[in-house]
Amino acid sequence: MEQPKFKSKNYKDALKQSFFDIDALIGKEDYGTDTGTTACVVLFTDSFIWCVNAGDSRGVLARTDAVVALSEDHKPDNTIEINRIEAAQHYVEDSRVDGNLALSRAFGDFQYKDQPKLTP
């Protein structure tokens, strides 16, 4: 997948757009209608470590003296996720989106055509 924003070193937007592009591609496949997956991507540059995730795939950096969390799981009962889900006219019940999905962001799983999509 060609992502022009990588060439201009706009890594934040490039990574975000890549996740949206992958989600859209999966939605066009037969397998995208009844299954989903999570992902975590880490990009190292000369100056920064960029980490982006969708779902409950978690990034950590291990050092000799410490472990540093690079991402947080997208769980439906996190405050930010609750607000996003409710803004999309859905609800959280028993820590699940619409009482069904156990995580609030993922690639694919388009069986619920009106479910909240990946958003910033």
Protein backbone atom coordinates (compact mmCIF):
# COMPACT_ATOMS: atom_id res chain seq x y z
CA MET A 1 0.00 0.00 0.00
CA GLU A 2 1.48 3.32 -1.05
CA GLN A 3 1.13 6.04 1.58
CA PRO A 4 2.47 9.46 0.42
CA LYS A 5 2.43 10.86 3.94
CA PHE A 6 5.26 8.49 4.88
CA LYS A 7 7.47 10.08 2.24
CA SER A 8 6.84 13.52 3.71
CA LYS A 9 7.54 12.09 7.20
CA ASN A 10 4.04 12.88 8.43
CA TYR A 11 4.07 9.61 10.34
CA LYS A 12 1.10 10.24 12.61
CA ASP A 13 -1.30 10.85 9.71
CA ALA A 14 0.34 8.17 7.55
CA LEU A 15 -0.11 5.47 10.20
CA LYS A 16 -3.67 6.56 10.91
CA GLN A 17 -4.57 6.59 7.20
CA SER A 18 -2.97 3.17 6.73
CA PHE A 19 -5.26 1.71 9.39
CA PHE A 20 -8.32 3.27 7.71
CA ASP A 21 -7.18 1.94 4.32
CA ILE A 22 -6.68 -1.59 5.66
CA ASP A 23 -10.10 -1.53 7.32
CA ALA A 24 -11.72 -0.45 4.04
CA LEU A 25 -9.90 -3.19 2.10
CA ILE A 26 -10.99 -5.88 4.56
CA GLY A 27 -14.58 -4.66 4.25
CA LYS A 28 -14.51 -5.57 0.56
CA GLU A 29 -13.51 -9.19 1.22
CA ASP A 30 -15.85 -12.09 1.99
CA TYR A 31 -13.96 -12.86 5.20
CA GLY A 32 -14.45 -9.28 6.40
CA THR A 33 -18.12 -9.79 7.07
CA ASP A 34 -17.95 -12.19 9.97
CA THR A 35 -14.55 -11.93 11.56
CA GLY A 36 -12.29 -9.22 12.85
CA THR A 37 -8.72 -8.73 13.95
CA THR A 38 -6.64 -6.34 15.96
CA ALA A 39 -3.22 -4.89 15.18
CA CYS A 40 -0.32 -3.05 16.71
CA VAL A 41 2.35 -1.35 14.59
CA VAL A 42 5.54 0.26 15.86
CA LEU A 43 7.63 2.55 13.66
CA PHE A 44 11.13 3.57 14.71
CA THR A 45 12.65 6.72 13.22
CA ASP A 46 15.90 8.49 14.08
CA SER A 47 14.04 10.72 16.55
CA PHE A 48 10.84 8.98 17.60
CA ILE A 49 9.06 5.73 18.29
CA TRP A 50 5.55 5.77 16.85
CA CYS A 51 2.98 3.21 17.98
CA VAL A 52 -0.55 2.78 16.68
CA ASN A 53 -3.03 0.05 17.57
CA ALA A 54 -6.60 -1.02 17.00
CA GLY A 55 -8.28 -3.32 19.47
CA ASP A 56 -6.55 -5.17 22.27
CA SER A 57 -3.16 -5.71 20.66
CA ARG A 58 -0.69 -4.01 22.95
CA GLY A 59 2.73 -2.47 22.30
CA VAL A 60 5.41 -2.33 25.00
CA LEU A 61 9.05 -1.29 24.99
CA ALA A 62 11.31 -3.36 27.20
CA ARG A 63 14.52 -1.84 28.51
CA THR A 64 17.08 -3.23 30.90
CA ASP A 65 15.57 -1.33 33.83
CA ALA A 66 11.95 -0.71 32.81
CA VAL A 67 8.98 -1.67 30.68
CA VAL A 68 7.15 1.20 28.97
CA ALA A 69 3.60 0.89 27.63
CA LEU A 70 3.38 2.24 24.07
CA SER A 71 -0.37 1.71 23.61
CA GLU A 72 -3.60 1.11 25.46
CA ASP A 73 -6.25 -1.50 24.65
CA HIS A 74 -9.44 -0.24 23.04
CA LYS A 75 -11.96 -1.59 25.51
CA PRO A 76 -15.59 -0.48 25.34
CA ASP A 77 -15.69 0.72 28.94
CA ASN A 78 -12.77 3.19 28.62
CA THR A 79 -14.15 6.73 28.97
CA ILE A 80 -12.86 7.88 25.56
CA GLU A 81 -14.30 4.80 23.89
CA ILE A 82 -17.69 5.13 25.63
CA ASN A 83 -17.95 8.72 24.37
CA ARG A 84 -17.02 7.68 20.82
CA ILE A 85 -19.44 4.73 20.83
CA GLU A 86 -22.33 6.80 22.16
CA ALA A 87 -21.62 9.57 19.62
CA ALA A 88 -22.06 6.88 16.92
CA GLN A 89 -25.53 6.09 18.34
CA HIS A 90 -24.45 2.83 20.01
CA TYR A 91 -24.14 1.80 23.66
CA VAL A 92 -21.93 -0.16 26.05
CA GLU A 93 -23.49 -2.94 28.10
CA ASP A 94 -21.58 -5.47 30.21
CA SER A 95 -18.30 -3.99 28.87
CA ARG A 96 -19.34 -4.80 25.29
CA VAL A 97 -20.36 -2.60 22.34
CA ASP A 98 -24.11 -3.04 21.91
CA GLY A 99 -23.84 -5.86 24.45
CA ASN A 100 -21.95 -7.99 21.89
CA LEU A 101 -18.47 -6.89 20.79
CA ALA A 102 -15.77 -7.23 23.48
CA LEU A 103 -13.47 -4.58 22.02
CA SER A 104 -14.34 -1.22 20.60
CA ARG A 105 -11.99 -1.03 17.62
CA ALA A 106 -10.87 -3.68 15.16
CA PHE A 107 -10.31 -4.35 11.48
CA GLY A 108 -13.18 -6.10 9.75
CA ASP A 109 -16.13 -7.77 11.47
CA PHE A 110 -18.66 -5.98 9.30
CA GLN A 111 -21.55 -8.26 10.22
CA TYR A 112 -23.09 -5.25 11.94
CA LYS A 113 -23.18 -2.78 9.07
CA ASP A 114 -24.04 0.16 11.33
CA GLN A 115 -21.46 -0.54 14.03
CA PRO A 116 -18.97 2.19 14.96
CA LYS A 117 -16.07 2.21 12.48
CA LEU A 118 -12.44 2.99 13.20
CA THR A 119 -12.20 6.71 13.90
CA PRO A 120 -9.45 8.93 15.25
